[in-house]
Structures are given as structure tokens and as C-alpha cells.
Amino acid sequence: MVAVIKTGGKQYLVAEGDIVSVEKLDGAPDTTITFDNVLLLSDGADITLGTPTVKGARVEAKIVGQERAKKVWGVKYKPKKRYRLTFGHKQPLTKIEIVKIIAK
């Protein structure tokens, strides 16, 4: 079974057993969380599309750990003013493992 979930303003295509990095969620490792914003469900033959979400569907996941993404560099520059600034940013992420996809 495959599902599309929405969390952190992004959509993720997940299946049972997948390990996915999503936007930071509060919780310690080995904590179970539930995603109720399921936009699509598919079991290979049938596809259920939500309007906007599938009623009664949910995805249960386990938090594997907290991590940070690869550093992204940015530059600010103003010509003729001797102003140059380089900065970096590491986005905090949560690594989750999909345990179960529940249709209804």
C-alpha cells in the first residue's frame, strides 16, 4: 500500500517500511506519531484520491532520530559599498519510519 501524506507544507509518497526525512517534528526517538493528512491511497489496483484528504485514513510512523540537512550557502553583496556577507543554513529534519498505513 502506498500513500501521499502532507506534513510541514510538503507532500511525501510513502510505503510501509520506508524511512523518510521530513520537516522537524517534536518528539523523542522511538515515539509514535500519526499523520491524518492523507491525500492519496493506492493498493496497486485501486486509487483513492482525497478531496482534499481521504476520510478516515491515517499513517502511523515512528521517529528514528533528529538530524540536520546538508549546509546551504548564501551570499549578500552590494556593489561599490564594500559589503559582502556569506552565510550558511542547515535545516533541521526528523527522520521517520513508516510503520502502518490505515485505509479506514
PDB file of N, CA and C in Angstrom:
ATOM      1  N   MET A   1       0.841  -1.168   0.000  1.00  0.00           N
ATOM      2  CA  MET A   1       0.000   0.000   0.000  1.00  0.00           C
ATOM      3  C   MET A   1       0.895   1.242   0.000  1.00  0.00           C
ATOM      4  N   VAL A   2       0.483   2.230  -0.769  1.00  0.00           N
ATOM      5  CA  VAL A   2       1.223   3.477  -0.927  1.00  0.00           C
ATOM      6  C   VAL A   2       0.301   4.629  -0.550  1.00  0.00           C
ATOM      7  N   ALA A   3       0.874   5.669   0.070  1.00  0.00           N
ATOM      8  CA  ALA A   3       0.080   6.834   0.452  1.00  0.00           C
ATOM      9  C   ALA A   3       0.885   8.101   0.186  1.00  0.00           C
ATOM     10  N   VAL A   4       0.159   9.194  -0.026  1.00  0.00           N
ATOM     11  CA  VAL A   4       0.773  10.515  -0.113  1.00  0.00           C
ATOM     12  C   VAL A   4       0.311  11.285   1.114  1.00  0.00           C
ATOM     13  N   ILE A   5       1.276  11.712   1.956  1.00  0.00           N
ATOM     14  CA  ILE A   5       0.943  12.459   3.167  1.00  0.00           C
ATOM     15  C   ILE A   5       1.450  13.880   3.039  1.00  0.00           C
ATOM     16  N   LYS A   6       0.842  14.777   3.808  1.00  0.00           N
ATOM     17  CA  LYS A   6       1.254  16.175   3.812  1.00  0.00           C
ATOM     18  C   LYS A   6       1.698  16.533   5.222  1.00  0.00           C
ATOM     19  N   THR A   7       2.928  17.032   5.344  1.00  0.00           N
ATOM     20  CA  THR A   7       3.448  17.494   6.622  1.00  0.00           C
ATOM     21  C   THR A   7       4.506  18.556   6.362  1.00  0.00           C
ATOM     22  N   GLY A   8       4.495  19.586   7.159  1.00  0.00           N
ATOM     23  CA  GLY A   8       5.479  20.659   7.018  1.00  0.00           C
ATOM     24  C   GLY A   8       5.351  21.421   5.718  1.00  0.00           C
ATOM     25  N   GLY A   9       4.150  21.460   5.129  1.00  0.00           N
ATOM     26  CA  GLY A   9       3.952  22.180   3.883  1.00  0.00           C
ATOM     27  C   GLY A   9       4.447  21.446   2.654  1.00  0.00           C
ATOM     28  N   LYS A  10       4.845  20.182   2.815  1.00  0.00           N
ATOM     29  CA  LYS A  10       5.341  19.377   1.698  1.00  0.00           C
ATOM     30  C   LYS A  10       4.554  18.081   1.628  1.00  0.00           C
ATOM     31  N   GLN A  11       4.615  17.428   0.472  1.00  0.00           N
ATOM     32  CA  GLN A  11       3.943  16.156   0.277  1.00  0.00           C
ATOM     33  C   GLN A  11       4.981  15.063   0.066  1.00  0.00           C
ATOM     34  N   TYR A  12       4.734  13.887   0.660  1.00  0.00           N
ATOM     35  CA  TYR A  12       5.671  12.775   0.579  1.00  0.00           C
ATOM     36  C   TYR A  12       4.933  11.513   0.149  1.00  0.00           C
ATOM     37  N   LEU A  13       5.497  10.784  -0.796  1.00  0.00           N
ATOM     38  CA  LEU A  13       4.984   9.489  -1.220  1.00  0.00           C
ATOM     39  C   LEU A  13       5.661   8.435  -0.353  1.00  0.00           C
ATOM     40  N   VAL A  14       4.868   7.698   0.440  1.00  0.00           N
ATOM     41  CA  VAL A  14       5.428   6.744   1.396  1.00  0.00           C
ATOM     42  C   VAL A  14       4.782   5.379   1.246  1.00  0.00           C
ATOM     43  N   ALA A  15       5.515   4.366   1.649  1.00  0.00           N
ATOM     44  CA  ALA A  15       5.023   2.988   1.731  1.00  0.00           C
ATOM     45  C   ALA A  15       5.478   2.430   3.067  1.00  0.00           C
ATOM     46  N   GLU A  16       4.868   1.332   3.491  1.00  0.00           N
ATOM     47  CA  GLU A  16       5.242   0.735   4.770  1.00  0.00           C
ATOM     48  C   GLU A  16       6.705   0.299   4.736  1.00  0.00           C
ATOM     49  N   GLY A  17       7.433   0.641   5.801  1.00  0.00           N
ATOM     50  CA  GLY A  17       8.846   0.298   5.902  1.00  0.00           C
ATOM     51  C   GLY A  17       9.790   1.367   5.391  1.00  0.00           C
ATOM     52  N   ASP A  18       9.271   2.403   4.736  1.00  0.00           N
ATOM     53  CA  ASP A  18      10.125   3.481   4.228  1.00  0.00           C
ATOM     54  C   ASP A  18      10.672   4.335   5.369  1.00  0.00           C
ATOM     55  N   ILE A  19      11.873   4.849   5.171  1.00  0.00           N
ATOM     56  CA  ILE A  19      12.465   5.817   6.091  1.00  0.00           C
ATOM     57  C   ILE A  19      12.581   7.129   5.325  1.00  0.00           C
ATOM     58  N   VAL A  20      11.938   8.180   5.858  1.00  0.00           N
ATOM     59  CA  VAL A  20      11.815   9.457   5.168  1.00  0.00           C
ATOM     60  C   VAL A  20      12.274  10.576   6.096  1.00  0.00           C
ATOM     61  N   SER A  21      12.964  11.573   5.539  1.00  0.00           N
ATOM     62  CA  SER A  21      13.328  12.775   6.292  1.00  0.00           C
ATOM     63  C   SER A  21      12.302  13.854   5.983  1.00  0.00           C
ATOM     64  N   VAL A  22      11.617  14.346   7.034  1.00  0.00           N
ATOM     65  CA  VAL A  22      10.580  15.368   6.883  1.00  0.00           C
ATOM     66  C   VAL A  22      10.987  16.598   7.694  1.00  0.00           C
ATOM     67  N   GLU A  23      10.239  17.692   7.503  1.00  0.00           N
ATOM     68  CA  GLU A  23      10.489  18.898   8.289  1.00  0.00           C
ATOM     69  C   GLU A  23      10.390  18.560   9.779  1.00  0.00           C
ATOM     70  N   LYS A  24      11.111  19.304  10.607  1.00  0.00           N
ATOM     71  CA  LYS A  24      11.239  18.988  12.023  1.00  0.00           C
ATOM     72  C   LYS A  24       9.885  18.817  12.716  1.00  0.00           C
ATOM     73  N   LEU A  25       9.777  17.695  13.441  1.00  0.00           N
ATOM     74  CA  LEU A  25       8.615  17.388  14.278  1.00  0.00           C
ATOM     75  C   LEU A  25       9.102  17.224  15.712  1.00  0.00           C
ATOM     76  N   ASP A  26       8.294  17.657  16.667  1.00  0.00           N
ATOM     77  CA  ASP A  26       8.662  17.487  18.070  1.00  0.00           C
ATOM     78  C   ASP A  26       8.472  16.036  18.474  1.00  0.00           C
ATOM     79  N   GLY A  27       9.411  15.520  19.241  1.00  0.00           N
ATOM     80  CA  GLY A  27       9.304  14.150  19.720  1.00  0.00           C
ATOM     81  C   GLY A  27      10.673  13.512  19.858  1.00  0.00           C
ATOM     82  N   ALA A  28      10.763  12.592  20.796  1.00  0.00           N
ATOM     83  CA  ALA A  28      11.997  11.856  21.035  1.00  0.00           C
ATOM     84  C   ALA A  28      12.038  10.625  20.130  1.00  0.00           C
ATOM     85  N   PRO A  29      13.215  10.050  19.929  1.00  0.00           N
ATOM     86  CA  PRO A  29      13.297   8.818  19.144  1.00  0.00           C
ATOM     87  C   PRO A  29      12.429   7.704  19.747  1.00  0.00           C
ATOM     88  N   ASP A  30      11.909   6.838  18.893  1.00  0.00           N
ATOM     89  CA  ASP A  30      11.015   5.726  19.230  1.00  0.00           C
ATOM     90  C   ASP A  30       9.622   6.187  19.655  1.00  0.00           C
ATOM     91  N   THR A  31       9.278   7.454  19.390  1.00  0.00           N
ATOM     92  CA  THR A  31       7.929   7.949  19.647  1.00  0.00           C
ATOM     93  C   THR A  31       7.073   7.696  18.411  1.00  0.00           C
ATOM     94  N   THR A  32       5.842   7.251  18.622  1.00  0.00           N
ATOM     95  CA  THR A  32       4.927   7.005  17.513  1.00  0.00           C
ATOM     96  C   THR A  32       4.117   8.263  17.233  1.00  0.00           C
ATOM     97  N   ILE A  33       4.018   8.631  15.954  1.00  0.00           N
ATOM     98  CA  ILE A  33       3.222   9.781  15.545  1.00  0.00           C
ATOM     99  C   ILE A  33       2.243   9.339  14.460  1.00  0.00           C
ATOM    100  N   THR A  34       1.158  10.103  14.311  1.00  0.00           N
ATOM    101  CA  THR A  34       0.128   9.774  13.331  1.00  0.00           C
ATOM    102  C   THR A  34      -0.077  10.951  12.399  1.00  0.00           C
ATOM    103  N   PHE A  35      -0.107  10.672  11.101  1.00  0.00           N
ATOM    104  CA  PHE A  35      -0.382  11.682  10.083  1.00  0.00           C
ATOM    105  C   PHE A  35      -1.814  11.486   9.605  1.00  0.00           C
ATOM    106  N   ASP A  36      -2.663  12.502   9.798  1.00  0.00           N
ATOM    107  CA  ASP A  36      -4.060  12.426   9.373  1.00  0.00           C
ATOM    108  C   ASP A  36      -4.281  13.048   8.000  1.00  0.00           C
ATOM    109  N   ASN A  37      -3.334  13.858   7.531  1.00  0.00           N
ATOM    110  CA  ASN A  37      -3.454  14.497   6.216  1.00  0.00           C
ATOM    111  C   ASN A  37      -2.978  13.538   5.132  1.00  0.00           C
ATOM    112  N   VAL A  38      -3.814  12.564   4.801  1.00  0.00           N
ATOM    113  CA  VAL A  38      -3.514  11.597   3.743  1.00  0.00           C
ATOM    114  C   VAL A  38      -4.240  12.071   2.490  1.00  0.00           C
ATOM    115  N   LEU A  39      -3.489  12.408   1.455  1.00  0.00           N
ATOM    116  CA  LEU A  39      -4.065  12.961   0.243  1.00  0.00           C
ATOM    117  C   LEU A  39      -4.430  11.902  -0.792  1.00  0.00           C
ATOM    118  N   LEU A  40      -3.736  10.740  -0.752  1.00  0.00           N
ATOM    119  CA  LEU A  40      -3.970   9.692  -1.741  1.00  0.00           C
ATOM    120  C   LEU A  40      -3.618   8.349  -1.129  1.00  0.00           C
ATOM    121  N   LEU A  41      -4.402   7.332  -1.471  1.00  0.00           N
ATOM    122  CA  LEU A  41      -4.118   5.954  -1.077  1.00  0.00           C
ATOM    123  C   LEU A  41      -4.161   5.076  -2.317  1.00  0.00           C
ATOM    124  N   SER A  42      -3.251   4.112  -2.386  1.00  0.00           N
ATOM    125  CA  SER A  42      -3.244   3.179  -3.505  1.00  0.00           C
ATOM    126  C   SER A  42      -2.742   1.830  -3.022  1.00  0.00           C
ATOM    127  N   ASP A  43      -3.449   0.772  -3.450  1.00  0.00           N
ATOM    128  CA  ASP A  43      -3.003  -0.578  -3.115  1.00  0.00           C
ATOM    129  C   ASP A  43      -2.531  -1.332  -4.350  1.00  0.00           C
ATOM    130  N   GLY A  44      -2.235  -0.624  -5.421  1.00  0.00           N
ATOM    131  CA  GLY A  44      -1.775  -1.230  -6.656  1.00  0.00           C
ATOM    132  C   GLY A  44      -2.865  -1.314  -7.701  1.00  0.00           C
ATOM    133  N   ALA A  45      -4.080  -1.683  -7.294  1.00  0.00           N
ATOM    134  CA  ALA A  45      -5.189  -1.797  -8.239  1.00  0.00           C
ATOM    135  C   ALA A  45      -6.141  -0.606  -8.130  1.00  0.00           C
ATOM    136  N   ASP A  46      -6.466  -0.234  -6.892  1.00  0.00           N
ATOM    137  CA  ASP A  46      -7.399   0.867  -6.659  1.00  0.00           C
ATOM    138  C   ASP A  46      -6.663   2.095  -6.149  1.00  0.00           C
ATOM    139  N   ILE A  47      -7.114   3.252  -6.601  1.00  0.00           N
ATOM    140  CA  ILE A  47      -6.560   4.526  -6.138  1.00  0.00           C
ATOM    141  C   ILE A  47      -7.693   5.326  -5.512  1.00  0.00           C
ATOM    142  N   THR A  48      -7.476   5.793  -4.281  1.00  0.00           N
ATOM    143  CA  THR A  48      -8.446   6.647  -3.608  1.00  0.00           C
ATOM    144  C   THR A  48      -7.838   8.034  -3.483  1.00  0.00           C
ATOM    145  N   LEU A  49      -8.477   9.005  -4.102  1.00  0.00           N
ATOM    146  CA  LEU A  49      -8.000  10.379  -4.093  1.00  0.00           C
ATOM    147  C   LEU A  49      -8.864  11.187  -3.147  1.00  0.00           C
ATOM    148  N   GLY A  50      -8.229  11.929  -2.235  1.00  0.00           N
ATOM    149  CA  GLY A  50      -8.964  12.716  -1.258  1.00  0.00           C
ATOM    150  C   GLY A  50      -9.434  14.041  -1.812  1.00  0.00           C
ATOM    151  N   THR A  51     -10.443  14.612  -1.140  1.00  0.00           N
ATOM    152  CA  THR A  51     -10.959  15.919  -1.548  1.00  0.00           C
ATOM    153  C   THR A  51     -11.052  16.838  -0.339  1.00  0.00           C
ATOM    154  N   PRO A  52     -10.086  17.404   0.237  1.00  0.00           N
ATOM    155  CA  PRO A  52      -8.667  17.293  -0.089  1.00  0.00           C
ATOM    156  C   PRO A  52      -7.968  16.111   0.580  1.00  0.00           C
ATOM    157  N   THR A  53      -8.573  15.524   1.645  1.00  0.00           N
ATOM    158  CA  THR A  53      -7.938  14.381   2.295  1.00  0.00           C
ATOM    159  C   THR A  53      -8.870  13.181   2.225  1.00  0.00           C
ATOM    160  N   VAL A  54      -8.293  11.998   2.397  1.00  0.00           N
ATOM    161  CA  VAL A  54      -9.076  10.763   2.397  1.00  0.00           C
ATOM    162  C   VAL A  54      -9.677  10.597   3.790  1.00  0.00           C
ATOM    163  N   LYS A  55     -10.996  10.470   3.870  1.00  0.00           N
ATOM    164  CA  LYS A  55     -11.699  10.354   5.151  1.00  0.00           C
ATOM    165  C   LYS A  55     -11.330   9.058   5.856  1.00  0.00           C
ATOM    166  N   GLY A  56     -10.941   9.172   7.122  1.00  0.00           N
ATOM    167  CA  GLY A  56     -10.643   8.007   7.946  1.00  0.00           C
ATOM    168  C   GLY A  56      -9.278   7.397   7.731  1.00  0.00           C
ATOM    169  N   ALA A  57      -8.527   7.864   6.771  1.00  0.00           N
ATOM    170  CA  ALA A  57      -7.196   7.293   6.501  1.00  0.00           C
ATOM    171  C   ALA A  57      -6.156   7.977   7.370  1.00  0.00           C
ATOM    172  N   ARG A  58      -5.171   7.198   7.770  1.00  0.00           N
ATOM    173  CA  ARG A  58      -4.063   7.758   8.543  1.00  0.00           C
ATOM    174  C   ARG A  58      -2.818   6.903   8.347  1.00  0.00           C
ATOM    175  N   VAL A  59      -1.682   7.515   8.635  1.00  0.00           N
ATOM    176  CA  VAL A  59      -0.397   6.830   8.510  1.00  0.00           C
ATOM    177  C   VAL A  59       0.301   6.913   9.858  1.00  0.00           C
ATOM    178  N   GLU A  60       0.702   5.776  10.384  1.00  0.00           N
ATOM    179  CA  GLU A  60       1.426   5.732  11.651  1.00  0.00           C
ATOM    180  C   GLU A  60       2.914   5.578  11.354  1.00  0.00           C
ATOM    181  N   ALA A  61       3.711   6.375  12.058  1.00  0.00           N
ATOM    182  CA  ALA A  61       5.158   6.364  11.846  1.00  0.00           C
ATOM    183  C   ALA A  61       5.871   6.416  13.191  1.00  0.00           C
ATOM    184  N   LYS A  62       7.136   6.004  13.169  1.00  0.00           N
ATOM    185  CA  LYS A  62       7.971   6.028  14.358  1.00  0.00           C
ATOM    186  C   LYS A  62       9.141   6.963  14.094  1.00  0.00           C
ATOM    187  N   ILE A  63       9.442   7.832  15.050  1.00  0.00           N
ATOM    188  CA  ILE A  63      10.569   8.752  14.900  1.00  0.00           C
ATOM    189  C   ILE A  63      11.858   7.964  15.109  1.00  0.00           C
ATOM    190  N   VAL A  64      12.739   8.025  14.111  1.00  0.00           N
ATOM    191  CA  VAL A  64      14.021   7.331  14.187  1.00  0.00           C
ATOM    192  C   VAL A  64      15.065   8.242  14.828  1.00  0.00           C
ATOM    193  N   GLY A  65      15.053   9.527  14.469  1.00  0.00           N
ATOM    194  CA  GLY A  65      16.007  10.463  15.043  1.00  0.00           C
ATOM    195  C   GLY A  65      15.849  11.858  14.480  1.00  0.00           C
ATOM    196  N   GLN A  66      16.547  12.796  15.102  1.00  0.00           N
ATOM    197  CA  GLN A  66      16.568  14.182  14.641  1.00  0.00           C
ATOM    198  C   GLN A  66      17.909  14.400  13.933  1.00  0.00           C
ATOM    199  N   GLU A  67      17.894  15.148  12.845  1.00  0.00           N
ATOM    200  CA  GLU A  67      19.119  15.401  12.096  1.00  0.00           C
ATOM    201  C   GLU A  67      19.061  16.783  11.473  1.00  0.00           C
ATOM    202  N   ARG A  68      20.128  17.156  10.786  1.00  0.00           N
ATOM    203  CA  ARG A  68      20.182  18.422  10.075  1.00  0.00           C
ATOM    204  C   ARG A  68      20.605  18.149   8.640  1.00  0.00           C
ATOM    205  N   ALA A  69      20.033  18.919   7.724  1.00  0.00           N
ATOM    206  CA  ALA A  69      20.314  18.728   6.306  1.00  0.00           C
ATOM    207  C   ALA A  69      21.715  19.250   5.974  1.00  0.00           C
ATOM    208  N   LYS A  70      22.133  18.989   4.752  1.00  0.00           N
ATOM    209  CA  LYS A  70      23.403  19.483   4.258  1.00  0.00           C
ATOM    210  C   LYS A  70      23.390  21.008   4.247  1.00  0.00           C
ATOM    211  N   LYS A  71      24.515  21.626   4.533  1.00  0.00           N
ATOM    212  CA  LYS A  71      24.585  23.083   4.615  1.00  0.00           C
ATOM    213  C   LYS A  71      24.394  23.729   3.247  1.00  0.00           C
ATOM    214  N   VAL A  72      23.555  24.762   3.236  1.00  0.00           N
ATOM    215  CA  VAL A  72      23.299  25.548   2.034  1.00  0.00           C
ATOM    216  C   VAL A  72      23.928  26.915   2.261  1.00  0.00           C
ATOM    217  N   TRP A  73      24.718  27.360   1.305  1.00  0.00           N
ATOM    218  CA  TRP A  73      25.413  28.637   1.427  1.00  0.00           C
ATOM    219  C   TRP A  73      24.649  29.736   0.705  1.00  0.00           C
ATOM    220  N   GLY A  74      24.693  30.933   1.286  1.00  0.00           N
ATOM    221  CA  GLY A  74      24.074  32.103   0.669  1.00  0.00           C
ATOM    222  C   GLY A  74      25.043  33.268   0.715  1.00  0.00           C
ATOM    223  N   VAL A  75      24.854  34.222  -0.186  1.00  0.00           N
ATOM    224  CA  VAL A  75      25.747  35.376  -0.281  1.00  0.00           C
ATOM    225  C   VAL A  75      24.914  36.641  -0.415  1.00  0.00           C
ATOM    226  N   LYS A  76      25.316  37.678   0.325  1.00  0.00           N
ATOM    227  CA  LYS A  76      24.739  39.011   0.139  1.00  0.00           C
ATOM    228  C   LYS A  76      25.869  39.904  -0.362  1.00  0.00           C
ATOM    229  N   TYR A  77      25.553  40.780  -1.307  1.00  0.00           N
ATOM    230  CA  TYR A  77      26.572  41.624  -1.916  1.00  0.00           C
ATOM    231  C   TYR A  77      25.941  42.930  -2.365  1.00  0.00           C
ATOM    232  N   LYS A  78      26.597  44.046  -2.055  1.00  0.00           N
ATOM    233  CA  LYS A  78      26.142  45.353  -2.527  1.00  0.00           C
ATOM    234  C   LYS A  78      27.302  45.996  -3.282  1.00  0.00           C
ATOM    235  N   PRO A  79      27.128  46.254  -4.565  1.00  0.00           N
ATOM    236  CA  PRO A  79      28.226  46.789  -5.365  1.00  0.00           C
ATOM    237  C   PRO A  79      28.637  48.193  -4.907  1.00  0.00           C
ATOM    238  N   LYS A  80      29.924  48.473  -5.006  1.00  0.00           N
ATOM    239  CA  LYS A  80      30.518  49.776  -4.714  1.00  0.00           C
ATOM    240  C   LYS A  80      30.402  50.205  -3.260  1.00  0.00           C
ATOM    241  N   LYS A  81      30.018  49.307  -2.355  1.00  0.00           N
ATOM    242  CA  LYS A  81      29.859  49.664  -0.942  1.00  0.00           C
ATOM    243  C   LYS A  81      30.742  48.836  -0.017  1.00  0.00           C
ATOM    244  N   ARG A  82      31.581  47.963  -0.557  1.00  0.00           N
ATOM    245  CA  ARG A  82      32.453  47.080   0.212  1.00  0.00           C
ATOM    246  C   ARG A  82      31.670  46.205   1.195  1.00  0.00           C
ATOM    247  N   TYR A  83      30.480  45.788   0.788  1.00  0.00           N
ATOM    248  CA  TYR A  83      29.636  44.949   1.625  1.00  0.00           C
ATOM    249  C   TYR A  83      29.518  43.571   0.996  1.00  0.00           C
ATOM    250  N   ARG A  84      30.080  42.586   1.693  1.00  0.00           N
ATOM    251  CA  ARG A  84      29.975  41.196   1.270  1.00  0.00           C
ATOM    252  C   ARG A  84      29.702  40.355   2.508  1.00  0.00           C
ATOM    253  N   LEU A  85      28.710  39.479   2.420  1.00  0.00           N
ATOM    254  CA  LEU A  85      28.366  38.631   3.547  1.00  0.00           C
ATOM    255  C   LEU A  85      28.073  37.230   3.032  1.00  0.00           C
ATOM    256  N   THR A  86      28.727  36.254   3.614  1.00  0.00           N
ATOM    257  CA  THR A  86      28.477  34.853   3.291  1.00  0.00           C
ATOM    258  C   THR A  86      27.897  34.190   4.529  1.00  0.00           C
ATOM    259  N   PHE A  87      26.828  33.431   4.339  1.00  0.00           N
ATOM    260  CA  PHE A  87      26.196  32.766   5.467  1.00  0.00           C
ATOM    261  C   PHE A  87      25.794  31.359   5.065  1.00  0.00           C
ATOM    262  N   GLY A  88      25.592  30.514   6.058  1.00  0.00           N
ATOM    263  CA  GLY A  88      25.168  29.141   5.813  1.00  0.00           C
ATOM    264  C   GLY A  88      23.939  28.804   6.639  1.00  0.00           C
ATOM    265  N   HIS A  89      23.204  27.788   6.197  1.00  0.00           N
ATOM    266  CA  HIS A  89      21.997  27.361   6.908  1.00  0.00           C
ATOM    267  C   HIS A  89      21.875  25.847   6.818  1.00  0.00           C
ATOM    268  N   LYS A  90      21.591  25.218   7.948  1.00  0.00           N
ATOM    269  CA  LYS A  90      21.306  23.777   7.990  1.00  0.00           C
ATOM    270  C   LYS A  90      19.880  23.604   8.490  1.00  0.00           C
ATOM    271  N   GLN A  91      19.011  23.057   7.647  1.00  0.00           N
ATOM    272  CA  GLN A  91      17.603  22.878   8.000  1.00  0.00           C
ATOM    273  C   GLN A  91      17.447  21.697   8.957  1.00  0.00           C
ATOM    274  N   PRO A  92      16.757  21.874  10.092  1.00  0.00           N
ATOM    275  CA  PRO A  92      16.513  20.730  10.981  1.00  0.00           C
ATOM    276  C   PRO A  92      15.470  19.790  10.383  1.00  0.00           C
ATOM    277  N   LEU A  93      15.747  18.490  10.447  1.00  0.00           N
ATOM    278  CA  LEU A  93      14.875  17.469   9.886  1.00  0.00           C
ATOM    279  C   LEU A  93      14.599  16.385  10.919  1.00  0.00           C
ATOM    280  N   THR A  94      13.534  15.650  10.715  1.00  0.00           N
ATOM    281  CA  THR A  94      13.209  14.486  11.537  1.00  0.00           C
ATOM    282  C   THR A  94      13.149  13.277  10.618  1.00  0.00           C
ATOM    283  N   LYS A  95      13.884  12.242  10.974  1.00  0.00           N
ATOM    284  CA  LYS A  95      13.874  11.009  10.196  1.00  0.00           C
ATOM    285  C   LYS A  95      12.818  10.093  10.803  1.00  0.00           C
ATOM    286  N   ILE A  96      11.848   9.664   9.959  1.00  0.00           N
ATOM    287  CA  ILE A  96      10.766   8.806  10.439  1.00  0.00           C
ATOM    288  C   ILE A  96      10.735   7.510   9.637  1.00  0.00           C
ATOM    289  N   GLU A  97      10.211   6.456  10.275  1.00  0.00           N
ATOM    290  CA  GLU A  97       9.996   5.170   9.613  1.00  0.00           C
ATOM    291  C   GLU A  97       8.497   4.912   9.569  1.00  0.00           C
ATOM    292  N   ILE A  98       7.976   4.627   8.394  1.00  0.00           N
ATOM    293  CA  ILE A  98       6.543   4.381   8.215  1.00  0.00           C
ATOM    294  C   ILE A  98       6.229   2.970   8.737  1.00  0.00           C
ATOM    295  N   VAL A  99       5.365   2.887   9.739  1.00  0.00           N
ATOM    296  CA  VAL A  99       5.038   1.610  10.361  1.00  0.00           C
ATOM    297  C   VAL A  99       3.792   0.985   9.721  1.00  0.00           C
ATOM    298  N   LYS A 100       2.706   1.794   9.579  1.00  0.00           N
ATOM    299  CA  LYS A 100       1.454   1.226   9.112  1.00  0.00           C
ATOM    300  C   LYS A 100       0.655   2.289   8.355  1.00  0.00           C
ATOM    301  N   ILE A 101       0.004   1.869   7.270  1.00  0.00           N
ATOM    302  CA  ILE A 101      -0.917   2.716   6.523  1.00  0.00           C
ATOM    303  C   ILE A 101      -2.316   2.143   6.718  1.00  0.00           C
ATOM    304  N   ILE A 102      -3.194   2.955   7.313  1.00  0.00           N
ATOM    305  CA  ILE A 102      -4.543   2.504   7.650  1.00  0.00           C
ATOM    306  C   ILE A 102      -5.536   3.198   6.712  1.00  0.00           C
ATOM    307  N   ALA A 103      -6.303   2.402   5.965  1.00  0.00           N
ATOM    308  CA  ALA A 103      -7.221   2.969   4.982  1.00  0.00           C
ATOM    309  C   ALA A 103      -8.492   3.502   5.646  1.00  0.00           C
ATOM    310  N   LYS A 104      -9.200   2.701   6.451  1.00  0.00           N
ATOM    311  CA  LYS A 104     -10.424   3.162   7.122  1.00  0.00           C
ATOM    312  C   LYS A 104     -10.704   2.369   8.344  1.00  0.00           C
TER     313      LYS A 104
END
